[in-house]
Amino acid sequence: MLSLTIVVLATTAAGFIVWANDKRHAKYGMGLPAGVAVTVGALSWIIFMTAGFGYQPGLTWIPWVMPVALGTAAAVAVAVYLGRTRARHDTMRLTAALKL
């Protein structure tokens, strides 16, 4: 369980770092990238441990490193997608409101 705690803390930090470094972070909530990172990281940790990678010699790094990497990648993907999509939708709404 210690490895799951480390994964959750590391992915939470990575999600907040992704949010802070995104130039469009005002378009979505502060906890969204961190929440996505934690969810993906915890689920991948569960999958890796269930698959038996946790206590195999030479493979013990997989449930420690891979969930953090996957969670960080998911947070980046969500930030990029939502930042672009919501900025485009906001621009369309503003344009429609100004045409009236």
PDB file of N, CA and C in Angstrom:
ATOM      1  N   MET A   1       0.803  -1.199   0.000  1.00  0.00           N
ATOM      2  CA  MET A   1       0.000   0.000   0.000  1.00  0.00           C
ATOM      3  C   MET A   1       0.846   1.264   0.000  1.00  0.00           C
ATOM      4  N   LEU A   2       2.066   1.175   0.442  1.00  0.00           N
ATOM      5  CA  LEU A   2       2.944   2.343   0.428  1.00  0.00           C
ATOM      6  C   LEU A   2       3.174   2.812  -1.002  1.00  0.00           C
ATOM      7  N   SER A   3       3.308   1.868  -1.931  1.00  0.00           N
ATOM      8  CA  SER A   3       3.550   2.281  -3.316  1.00  0.00           C
ATOM      9  C   SER A   3       2.336   3.003  -3.893  1.00  0.00           C
ATOM     10  N   LEU A   4       1.133   2.612  -3.505  1.00  0.00           N
ATOM     11  CA  LEU A   4      -0.063   3.317  -3.978  1.00  0.00           C
ATOM     12  C   LEU A   4      -0.100   4.741  -3.413  1.00  0.00           C
ATOM     13  N   THR A   5       0.287   4.901  -2.172  1.00  0.00           N
ATOM     14  CA  THR A   5       0.331   6.230  -1.563  1.00  0.00           C
ATOM     15  C   THR A   5       1.330   7.126  -2.287  1.00  0.00           C
ATOM     16  N   ILE A   6       2.490   6.579  -2.602  1.00  0.00           N
ATOM     17  CA  ILE A   6       3.510   7.334  -3.334  1.00  0.00           C
ATOM     18  C   ILE A   6       2.995   7.713  -4.717  1.00  0.00           C
ATOM     19  N   VAL A   7       2.337   6.774  -5.396  1.00  0.00           N
ATOM     20  CA  VAL A   7       1.788   7.039  -6.732  1.00  0.00           C
ATOM     21  C   VAL A   7       0.740   8.142  -6.671  1.00  0.00           C
ATOM     22  N   VAL A   8      -0.148   8.084  -5.691  1.00  0.00           N
ATOM     23  CA  VAL A   8      -1.198   9.100  -5.566  1.00  0.00           C
ATOM     24  C   VAL A   8      -0.589  10.471  -5.282  1.00  0.00           C
ATOM     25  N   LEU A   9       0.354  10.552  -4.388  1.00  0.00           N
ATOM     26  CA  LEU A   9       0.987  11.836  -4.073  1.00  0.00           C
ATOM     27  C   LEU A   9       1.771  12.394  -5.260  1.00  0.00           C
ATOM     28  N   ALA A  10       2.498  11.531  -5.957  1.00  0.00           N
ATOM     29  CA  ALA A  10       3.291  11.987  -7.102  1.00  0.00           C
ATOM     30  C   ALA A  10       2.403  12.432  -8.253  1.00  0.00           C
ATOM     31  N   THR A  11       1.330  11.697  -8.519  1.00  0.00           N
ATOM     32  CA  THR A  11       0.449  12.098  -9.622  1.00  0.00           C
ATOM     33  C   THR A  11      -0.355  13.348  -9.275  1.00  0.00           C
ATOM     34  N   THR A  12      -0.691  13.512  -8.015  1.00  0.00           N
ATOM     35  CA  THR A  12      -1.359  14.749  -7.601  1.00  0.00           C
ATOM     36  C   THR A  12      -0.446  15.950  -7.845  1.00  0.00           C
ATOM     37  N   ALA A  13       0.789  15.829  -7.430  1.00  0.00           N
ATOM     38  CA  ALA A  13       1.749  16.911  -7.649  1.00  0.00           C
ATOM     39  C   ALA A  13       1.948  17.170  -9.136  1.00  0.00           C
ATOM     40  N   ALA A  14       2.043  16.120  -9.919  1.00  0.00           N
ATOM     41  CA  ALA A  14       2.216  16.288 -11.365  1.00  0.00           C
ATOM     42  C   ALA A  14       1.013  16.982 -11.984  1.00  0.00           C
ATOM     43  N   GLY A  15      -0.191  16.637 -11.535  1.00  0.00           N
ATOM     44  CA  GLY A  15      -1.395  17.282 -12.052  1.00  0.00           C
ATOM     45  C   GLY A  15      -1.437  18.762 -11.735  1.00  0.00           C
ATOM     46  N   PHE A  16      -1.044  19.135 -10.534  1.00  0.00           N
ATOM     47  CA  PHE A  16      -1.003  20.556 -10.182  1.00  0.00           C
ATOM     48  C   PHE A  16       0.085  21.296 -10.954  1.00  0.00           C
ATOM     49  N   ILE A  17       1.203  20.644 -11.210  1.00  0.00           N
ATOM     50  CA  ILE A  17       2.267  21.256 -11.997  1.00  0.00           C
ATOM     51  C   ILE A  17       1.811  21.465 -13.437  1.00  0.00           C
ATOM     52  N   VAL A  18       1.105  20.480 -13.988  1.00  0.00           N
ATOM     53  CA  VAL A  18       0.564  20.622 -15.344  1.00  0.00           C
ATOM     54  C   VAL A  18      -0.397  21.802 -15.388  1.00  0.00           C
ATOM     55  N   TRP A  19      -1.277  21.904 -14.409  1.00  0.00           N
ATOM     56  CA  TRP A  19      -2.229  23.017 -14.366  1.00  0.00           C
ATOM     57  C   TRP A  19      -1.504  24.366 -14.300  1.00  0.00           C
ATOM     58  N   ALA A  20      -0.503  24.447 -13.446  1.00  0.00           N
ATOM     59  CA  ALA A  20       0.202  25.711 -13.253  1.00  0.00           C
ATOM     60  C   ALA A  20       0.976  26.136 -14.499  1.00  0.00           C
ATOM     61  N   ASN A  21       1.444  25.193 -15.280  1.00  0.00           N
ATOM     62  CA  ASN A  21       2.234  25.519 -16.464  1.00  0.00           C
ATOM     63  C   ASN A  21       1.398  25.713 -17.717  1.00  0.00           C
ATOM     64  N   ASP A  22       0.111  25.467 -17.651  1.00  0.00           N
ATOM     65  CA  ASP A  22      -0.751  25.640 -18.811  1.00  0.00           C
ATOM     66  C   ASP A  22      -1.159  27.101 -18.920  1.00  0.00           C
ATOM     67  N   LYS A  23      -0.978  27.695 -20.095  1.00  0.00           N
ATOM     68  CA  LYS A  23      -1.300  29.112 -20.244  1.00  0.00           C
ATOM     69  C   LYS A  23      -2.804  29.357 -20.277  1.00  0.00           C
ATOM     70  N   ARG A  24      -3.597  28.336 -20.523  1.00  0.00           N
ATOM     71  CA  ARG A  24      -5.057  28.479 -20.544  1.00  0.00           C
ATOM     72  C   ARG A  24      -5.710  27.880 -19.298  1.00  0.00           C
ATOM     73  N   HIS A  25      -4.990  27.847 -18.193  1.00  0.00           N
ATOM     74  CA  HIS A  25      -5.526  27.168 -17.013  1.00  0.00           C
ATOM     75  C   HIS A  25      -6.729  27.874 -16.389  1.00  0.00           C
ATOM     76  N   ALA A  26      -7.043  29.060 -16.823  1.00  0.00           N
ATOM     77  CA  ALA A  26      -8.239  29.747 -16.311  1.00  0.00           C
ATOM     78  C   ALA A  26      -9.514  29.193 -16.932  1.00  0.00           C
ATOM     79  N   LYS A  27      -9.378  28.359 -17.949  1.00  0.00           N
ATOM     80  CA  LYS A  27     -10.539  27.819 -18.662  1.00  0.00           C
ATOM     81  C   LYS A  27     -11.142  26.597 -17.981  1.00  0.00           C
ATOM     82  N   TYR A  28     -10.427  25.986 -17.074  1.00  0.00           N
ATOM     83  CA  TYR A  28     -10.925  24.798 -16.380  1.00  0.00           C
ATOM     84  C   TYR A  28     -10.442  24.840 -14.938  1.00  0.00           C
ATOM     85  N   GLY A  29     -10.972  23.972 -14.128  1.00  0.00           N
ATOM     86  CA  GLY A  29     -10.691  23.986 -12.705  1.00  0.00           C
ATOM     87  C   GLY A  29      -9.282  23.541 -12.345  1.00  0.00           C
ATOM     88  N   MET A  30      -8.830  24.012 -11.221  1.00  0.00           N
ATOM     89  CA  MET A  30      -7.481  23.722 -10.750  1.00  0.00           C
ATOM     90  C   MET A  30      -7.288  22.245 -10.423  1.00  0.00           C
ATOM     91  N   GLY A  31      -8.320  21.597  -9.926  1.00  0.00           N
ATOM     92  CA  GLY A  31      -8.195  20.205  -9.520  1.00  0.00           C
ATOM     93  C   GLY A  31      -8.427  19.199 -10.616  1.00  0.00           C
ATOM     94  N   LEU A  32      -8.850  19.651 -11.795  1.00  0.00           N
ATOM     95  CA  LEU A  32      -9.173  18.702 -12.858  1.00  0.00           C
ATOM     96  C   LEU A  32      -7.966  17.907 -13.348  1.00  0.00           C
ATOM     97  N   PRO A  33      -6.839  18.532 -13.710  1.00  0.00           N
ATOM     98  CA  PRO A  33      -5.697  17.717 -14.138  1.00  0.00           C
ATOM     99  C   PRO A  33      -5.174  16.817 -13.018  1.00  0.00           C
ATOM    100  N   ALA A  34      -5.181  17.310 -11.797  1.00  0.00           N
ATOM    101  CA  ALA A  34      -4.728  16.488 -10.679  1.00  0.00           C
ATOM    102  C   ALA A  34      -5.666  15.310 -10.455  1.00  0.00           C
ATOM    103  N   GLY A  35      -6.962  15.547 -10.561  1.00  0.00           N
ATOM    104  CA  GLY A  35      -7.927  14.457 -10.394  1.00  0.00           C
ATOM    105  C   GLY A  35      -7.802  13.404 -11.467  1.00  0.00           C
ATOM    106  N   VAL A  36      -7.614  13.846 -12.697  1.00  0.00           N
ATOM    107  CA  VAL A  36      -7.432  12.890 -13.798  1.00  0.00           C
ATOM    108  C   VAL A  36      -6.132  12.117 -13.608  1.00  0.00           C
ATOM    109  N   ALA A  37      -5.076  12.804 -13.214  1.00  0.00           N
ATOM    110  CA  ALA A  37      -3.790  12.141 -13.001  1.00  0.00           C
ATOM    111  C   ALA A  37      -3.877  11.097 -11.893  1.00  0.00           C
ATOM    112  N   VAL A  38      -4.537  11.435 -10.802  1.00  0.00           N
ATOM    113  CA  VAL A  38      -4.679  10.487  -9.691  1.00  0.00           C
ATOM    114  C   VAL A  38      -5.528   9.287 -10.108  1.00  0.00           C
ATOM    115  N   THR A  39      -6.621   9.549 -10.833  1.00  0.00           N
ATOM    116  CA  THR A  39      -7.486   8.458 -11.265  1.00  0.00           C
ATOM    117  C   THR A  39      -6.742   7.491 -12.182  1.00  0.00           C
ATOM    118  N   VAL A  40      -6.064   8.022 -13.180  1.00  0.00           N
ATOM    119  CA  VAL A  40      -5.327   7.167 -14.117  1.00  0.00           C
ATOM    120  C   VAL A  40      -4.172   6.464 -13.408  1.00  0.00           C
ATOM    121  N   GLY A  41      -3.473   7.181 -12.551  1.00  0.00           N
ATOM    122  CA  GLY A  41      -2.365   6.574 -11.824  1.00  0.00           C
ATOM    123  C   GLY A  41      -2.804   5.459 -10.894  1.00  0.00           C
ATOM    124  N   ALA A  42      -3.874   5.684 -10.142  1.00  0.00           N
ATOM    125  CA  ALA A  42      -4.354   4.649  -9.209  1.00  0.00           C
ATOM    126  C   ALA A  42      -4.897   3.435  -9.956  1.00  0.00           C
ATOM    127  N   LEU A  43      -5.652   3.684 -11.029  1.00  0.00           N
ATOM    128  CA  LEU A  43      -6.181   2.550 -11.796  1.00  0.00           C
ATOM    129  C   LEU A  43      -5.067   1.748 -12.463  1.00  0.00           C
ATOM    130  N   SER A  44      -4.071   2.444 -12.992  1.00  0.00           N
ATOM    131  CA  SER A  44      -2.967   1.699 -13.607  1.00  0.00           C
ATOM    132  C   SER A  44      -2.148   0.955 -12.552  1.00  0.00           C
ATOM    133  N   TRP A  45      -2.004   1.533 -11.358  1.00  0.00           N
ATOM    134  CA  TRP A  45      -1.312   0.816 -10.282  1.00  0.00           C
ATOM    135  C   TRP A  45      -2.065  -0.460  -9.932  1.00  0.00           C
ATOM    136  N   ILE A  46      -3.378  -0.354  -9.829  1.00  0.00           N
ATOM    137  CA  ILE A  46      -4.198  -1.541  -9.527  1.00  0.00           C
ATOM    138  C   ILE A  46      -4.043  -2.586 -10.614  1.00  0.00           C
ATOM    139  N   ILE A  47      -4.061  -2.159 -11.862  1.00  0.00           N
ATOM    140  CA  ILE A  47      -3.916  -3.109 -12.980  1.00  0.00           C
ATOM    141  C   ILE A  47      -2.538  -3.761 -12.956  1.00  0.00           C
ATOM    142  N   PHE A  48      -1.492  -2.980 -12.741  1.00  0.00           N
ATOM    143  CA  PHE A  48      -0.144  -3.546 -12.702  1.00  0.00           C
ATOM    144  C   PHE A  48       0.036  -4.507 -11.533  1.00  0.00           C
ATOM    145  N   MET A  49      -0.516  -4.162 -10.382  1.00  0.00           N
ATOM    146  CA  MET A  49      -0.387  -5.056  -9.227  1.00  0.00           C
ATOM    147  C   MET A  49      -1.196  -6.332  -9.433  1.00  0.00           C
ATOM    148  N   THR A  50      -2.378  -6.203 -10.026  1.00  0.00           N
ATOM    149  CA  THR A  50      -3.197  -7.386 -10.295  1.00  0.00           C
ATOM    150  C   THR A  50      -2.522  -8.287 -11.328  1.00  0.00           C
ATOM    151  N   ALA A  51      -1.830  -7.671 -12.276  1.00  0.00           N
ATOM    152  CA  ALA A  51      -1.130  -8.441 -13.300  1.00  0.00           C
ATOM    153  C   ALA A  51       0.121  -9.124 -12.755  1.00  0.00           C
ATOM    154  N   GLY A  52       0.518  -8.782 -11.553  1.00  0.00           N
ATOM    155  CA  GLY A  52       1.636  -9.458 -10.923  1.00  0.00           C
ATOM    156  C   GLY A  52       2.988  -8.799 -11.114  1.00  0.00           C
ATOM    157  N   PHE A  53       3.014  -7.552 -11.518  1.00  0.00           N
ATOM    158  CA  PHE A  53       4.284  -6.867 -11.718  1.00  0.00           C
ATOM    159  C   PHE A  53       4.892  -6.337 -10.424  1.00  0.00           C
ATOM    160  N   GLY A  54       4.167  -6.391  -9.323  1.00  0.00           N
ATOM    161  CA  GLY A  54       4.606  -5.759  -8.092  1.00  0.00           C
ATOM    162  C   GLY A  54       5.790  -6.394  -7.420  1.00  0.00           C
ATOM    163  N   TYR A  55       5.884  -7.693  -7.468  1.00  0.00           N
ATOM    164  CA  TYR A  55       6.919  -8.356  -6.688  1.00  0.00           C
ATOM    165  C   TYR A  55       7.746  -9.304  -7.534  1.00  0.00           C
ATOM    166  N   GLN A  56       7.890  -9.004  -8.798  1.00  0.00           N
ATOM    167  CA  GLN A  56       8.728  -9.789  -9.696  1.00  0.00           C
ATOM    168  C   GLN A  56      10.125  -9.170  -9.731  1.00  0.00           C
ATOM    169  N   PRO A  57      11.153  -9.969  -9.579  1.00  0.00           N
ATOM    170  CA  PRO A  57      12.512  -9.408  -9.650  1.00  0.00           C
ATOM    171  C   PRO A  57      12.748  -8.753 -11.012  1.00  0.00           C
ATOM    172  N   GLY A  58      13.230  -7.549 -10.989  1.00  0.00           N
ATOM    173  CA  GLY A  58      13.495  -6.808 -12.207  1.00  0.00           C
ATOM    174  C   GLY A  58      12.297  -6.023 -12.726  1.00  0.00           C
ATOM    175  N   LEU A  59      11.119  -6.285 -12.216  1.00  0.00           N
ATOM    176  CA  LEU A  59       9.917  -5.589 -12.677  1.00  0.00           C
ATOM    177  C   LEU A  59       9.261  -4.761 -11.589  1.00  0.00           C
ATOM    178  N   THR A  60       9.892  -4.625 -10.451  1.00  0.00           N
ATOM    179  CA  THR A  60       9.263  -3.895  -9.349  1.00  0.00           C
ATOM    180  C   THR A  60       9.141  -2.410  -9.622  1.00  0.00           C
ATOM    181  N   TRP A  61       9.845  -1.887 -10.599  1.00  0.00           N
ATOM    182  CA  TRP A  61       9.754  -0.472 -10.937  1.00  0.00           C
ATOM    183  C   TRP A  61       8.462  -0.151 -11.672  1.00  0.00           C
ATOM    184  N   ILE A  62       7.851  -1.135 -12.318  1.00  0.00           N
ATOM    185  CA  ILE A  62       6.663  -0.874 -13.141  1.00  0.00           C
ATOM    186  C   ILE A  62       5.515  -0.286 -12.328  1.00  0.00           C
ATOM    187  N   PRO A  63       5.118  -0.858 -11.184  1.00  0.00           N
ATOM    188  CA  PRO A  63       4.016  -0.224 -10.449  1.00  0.00           C
ATOM    189  C   PRO A  63       4.406   1.067  -9.731  1.00  0.00           C
ATOM    190  N   TRP A  64       5.670   1.418  -9.731  1.00  0.00           N
ATOM    191  CA  TRP A  64       6.091   2.663  -9.110  1.00  0.00           C
ATOM    192  C   TRP A  64       6.211   3.790 -10.136  1.00  0.00           C
ATOM    193  N   VAL A  65       6.774   3.502 -11.289  1.00  0.00           N
ATOM    194  CA  VAL A  65       7.085   4.536 -12.267  1.00  0.00           C
ATOM    195  C   VAL A  65       5.984   4.698 -13.317  1.00  0.00           C
ATOM    196  N   MET A  66       5.503   3.612 -13.856  1.00  0.00           N
ATOM    197  CA  MET A  66       4.535   3.682 -14.960  1.00  0.00           C
ATOM    198  C   MET A  66       3.229   4.391 -14.586  1.00  0.00           C
ATOM    199  N   PRO A  67       2.635   4.142 -13.419  1.00  0.00           N
ATOM    200  CA  PRO A  67       1.417   4.889 -13.090  1.00  0.00           C
ATOM    201  C   PRO A  67       1.636   6.399 -13.002  1.00  0.00           C
ATOM    202  N   VAL A  68       2.780   6.817 -12.515  1.00  0.00           N
ATOM    203  CA  VAL A  68       3.064   8.248 -12.437  1.00  0.00           C
ATOM    204  C   VAL A  68       3.210   8.821 -13.848  1.00  0.00           C
ATOM    205  N   ALA A  69       3.889   8.099 -14.714  1.00  0.00           N
ATOM    206  CA  ALA A  69       4.059   8.559 -16.093  1.00  0.00           C
ATOM    207  C   ALA A  69       2.719   8.587 -16.826  1.00  0.00           C
ATOM    208  N   LEU A  70       1.912   7.567 -16.647  1.00  0.00           N
ATOM    209  CA  LEU A  70       0.604   7.529 -17.303  1.00  0.00           C
ATOM    210  C   LEU A  70      -0.319   8.620 -16.763  1.00  0.00           C
ATOM    211  N   GLY A  71      -0.301   8.830 -15.456  1.00  0.00           N
ATOM    212  CA  GLY A  71      -1.127   9.875 -14.854  1.00  0.00           C
ATOM    213  C   GLY A  71      -0.721  11.268 -15.316  1.00  0.00           C
ATOM    214  N   THR A  72       0.576  11.500 -15.420  1.00  0.00           N
ATOM    215  CA  THR A  72       1.054  12.788 -15.897  1.00  0.00           C
ATOM    216  C   THR A  72       0.670  12.999 -17.362  1.00  0.00           C
ATOM    217  N   ALA A  73       0.802  11.962 -18.169  1.00  0.00           N
ATOM    218  CA  ALA A  73       0.417  12.073 -19.577  1.00  0.00           C
ATOM    219  C   ALA A  73      -1.082  12.344 -19.718  1.00  0.00           C
ATOM    220  N   ALA A  74      -1.884  11.710 -18.888  1.00  0.00           N
ATOM    221  CA  ALA A  74      -3.326  11.946 -18.929  1.00  0.00           C
ATOM    222  C   ALA A  74      -3.657  13.375 -18.507  1.00  0.00           C
ATOM    223  N   ALA A  75      -2.969  13.902 -17.514  1.00  0.00           N
ATOM    224  CA  ALA A  75      -3.200  15.279 -17.081  1.00  0.00           C
ATOM    225  C   ALA A  75      -2.821  16.275 -18.175  1.00  0.00           C
ATOM    226  N   VAL A  76      -1.725  16.012 -18.860  1.00  0.00           N
ATOM    227  CA  VAL A  76      -1.317  16.879 -19.970  1.00  0.00           C
ATOM    228  C   VAL A  76      -2.354  16.822 -21.085  1.00  0.00           C
ATOM    229  N   ALA A  77      -2.821  15.625 -21.406  1.00  0.00           N
ATOM    230  CA  ALA A  77      -3.816  15.476 -22.477  1.00  0.00           C
ATOM    231  C   ALA A  77      -5.112  16.203 -22.139  1.00  0.00           C
ATOM    232  N   VAL A  78      -5.567  16.090 -20.903  1.00  0.00           N
ATOM    233  CA  VAL A  78      -6.795  16.765 -20.498  1.00  0.00           C
ATOM    234  C   VAL A  78      -6.606  18.281 -20.528  1.00  0.00           C
ATOM    235  N   ALA A  79      -5.479  18.754 -20.058  1.00  0.00           N
ATOM    236  CA  ALA A  79      -5.230  20.196 -20.048  1.00  0.00           C
ATOM    237  C   ALA A  79      -5.170  20.757 -21.467  1.00  0.00           C
ATOM    238  N   VAL A  80      -4.500  20.057 -22.355  1.00  0.00           N
ATOM    239  CA  VAL A  80      -4.403  20.529 -23.737  1.00  0.00           C
ATOM    240  C   VAL A  80      -5.771  20.500 -24.403  1.00  0.00           C
ATOM    241  N   TYR A  81      -6.481  19.394 -24.260  1.00  0.00           N
ATOM    242  CA  TYR A  81      -7.786  19.267 -24.913  1.00  0.00           C
ATOM    243  C   TYR A  81      -8.791  20.286 -24.379  1.00  0.00           C
ATOM    244  N   LEU A  82      -8.937  20.347 -23.064  1.00  0.00           N
ATOM    245  CA  LEU A  82      -9.919  21.267 -22.495  1.00  0.00           C
ATOM    246  C   LEU A  82      -9.530  22.723 -22.689  1.00  0.00           C
ATOM    247  N   GLY A  83      -8.249  23.029 -22.619  1.00  0.00           N
ATOM    248  CA  GLY A  83      -7.818  24.408 -22.842  1.00  0.00           C
ATOM    249  C   GLY A  83      -8.178  24.885 -24.231  1.00  0.00           C
ATOM    250  N   ARG A  84      -7.901  24.064 -25.225  1.00  0.00           N
ATOM    251  CA  ARG A  84      -8.222  24.438 -26.605  1.00  0.00           C
ATOM    252  C   ARG A  84      -9.722  24.475 -26.844  1.00  0.00           C
ATOM    253  N   THR A  85     -10.416  23.435 -26.406  1.00  0.00           N
ATOM    254  CA  THR A  85     -11.852  23.332 -26.664  1.00  0.00           C
ATOM    255  C   THR A  85     -12.621  24.451 -25.976  1.00  0.00           C
ATOM    256  N   ARG A  86     -12.336  24.676 -24.728  1.00  0.00           N
ATOM    257  CA  ARG A  86     -13.082  25.714 -24.001  1.00  0.00           C
ATOM    258  C   ARG A  86     -12.726  27.107 -24.478  1.00  0.00           C
ATOM    259  N   ALA A  87     -11.496  27.334 -24.885  1.00  0.00           N
ATOM    260  CA  ALA A  87     -11.128  28.642 -25.441  1.00  0.00           C
ATOM    261  C   ALA A  87     -11.873  28.892 -26.746  1.00  0.00           C
ATOM    262  N   ARG A  88     -11.980  27.861 -27.578  1.00  0.00           N
ATOM    263  CA  ARG A  88     -12.709  27.997 -28.839  1.00  0.00           C
ATOM    264  C   ARG A  88     -14.189  28.255 -28.587  1.00  0.00           C
ATOM    265  N   HIS A  89     -14.787  27.516 -27.654  1.00  0.00           N
ATOM    266  CA  HIS A  89     -16.202  27.716 -27.336  1.00  0.00           C
ATOM    267  C   HIS A  89     -16.458  29.100 -26.732  1.00  0.00           C
ATOM    268  N   ASP A  90     -15.565  29.550 -25.880  1.00  0.00           N
ATOM    269  CA  ASP A  90     -15.715  30.896 -25.299  1.00  0.00           C
ATOM    270  C   ASP A  90     -15.632  31.968 -26.376  1.00  0.00           C
ATOM    271  N   THR A  91     -14.724  31.793 -27.320  1.00  0.00           N
ATOM    272  CA  THR A  91     -14.598  32.754 -28.415  1.00  0.00           C
ATOM    273  C   THR A  91     -15.853  32.760 -29.279  1.00  0.00           C
ATOM    274  N   MET A  92     -16.392  31.585 -29.555  1.00  0.00           N
ATOM    275  CA  MET A  92     -17.628  31.519 -30.351  1.00  0.00           C
ATOM    276  C   MET A  92     -18.782  32.180 -29.622  1.00  0.00           C
ATOM    277  N   ARG A  93     -18.912  31.952 -28.322  1.00  0.00           N
ATOM    278  CA  ARG A  93     -19.980  32.586 -27.546  1.00  0.00           C
ATOM    279  C   ARG A  93     -19.823  34.105 -27.492  1.00  0.00           C
ATOM    280  N   LEU A  94     -18.603  34.570 -27.299  1.00  0.00           N
ATOM    281  CA  LEU A  94     -18.348  36.004 -27.263  1.00  0.00           C
ATOM    282  C   LEU A  94     -18.653  36.642 -28.616  1.00  0.00           C
ATOM    283  N   THR A  95     -18.266  35.982 -29.676  1.00  0.00           N
ATOM    284  CA  THR A  95     -18.551  36.488 -31.012  1.00  0.00           C
ATOM    285  C   THR A  95     -20.056  36.559 -31.265  1.00  0.00           C
ATOM    286  N   ALA A  96     -20.768  35.518 -30.851  1.00  0.00           N
ATOM    287  CA  ALA A  96     -22.226  35.521 -31.027  1.00  0.00           C
ATOM    288  C   ALA A  96     -22.883  36.620 -30.203  1.00  0.00           C
ATOM    289  N   ALA A  97     -22.379  36.846 -28.997  1.00  0.00           N
ATOM    290  CA  ALA A  97     -22.955  37.878 -28.144  1.00  0.00           C
ATOM    291  C   ALA A  97     -22.668  39.275 -28.685  1.00  0.00           C
ATOM    292  N   LEU A  98     -21.513  39.454 -29.293  1.00  0.00           N
ATOM    293  CA  LEU A  98     -21.161  40.768 -29.825  1.00  0.00           C
ATOM    294  C   LEU A  98     -21.894  41.073 -31.129  1.00  0.00           C
ATOM    295  N   LYS A  99     -22.352  40.056 -31.826  1.00  0.00           N
ATOM    296  CA  LYS A  99     -23.090  40.274 -33.078  1.00  0.00           C
ATOM    297  C   LYS A  99     -24.498  40.773 -32.821  1.00  0.00           C
ATOM    298  N   LEU A 100     -25.002  40.554 -31.638  1.00  0.00           N
ATOM    299  CA  LEU A 100     -26.360  40.980 -31.336  1.00  0.00           C
ATOM    300  C   LEU A 100     -26.434  42.439 -31.181  1.00  0.00           C
TER     301      LEU A 100
END
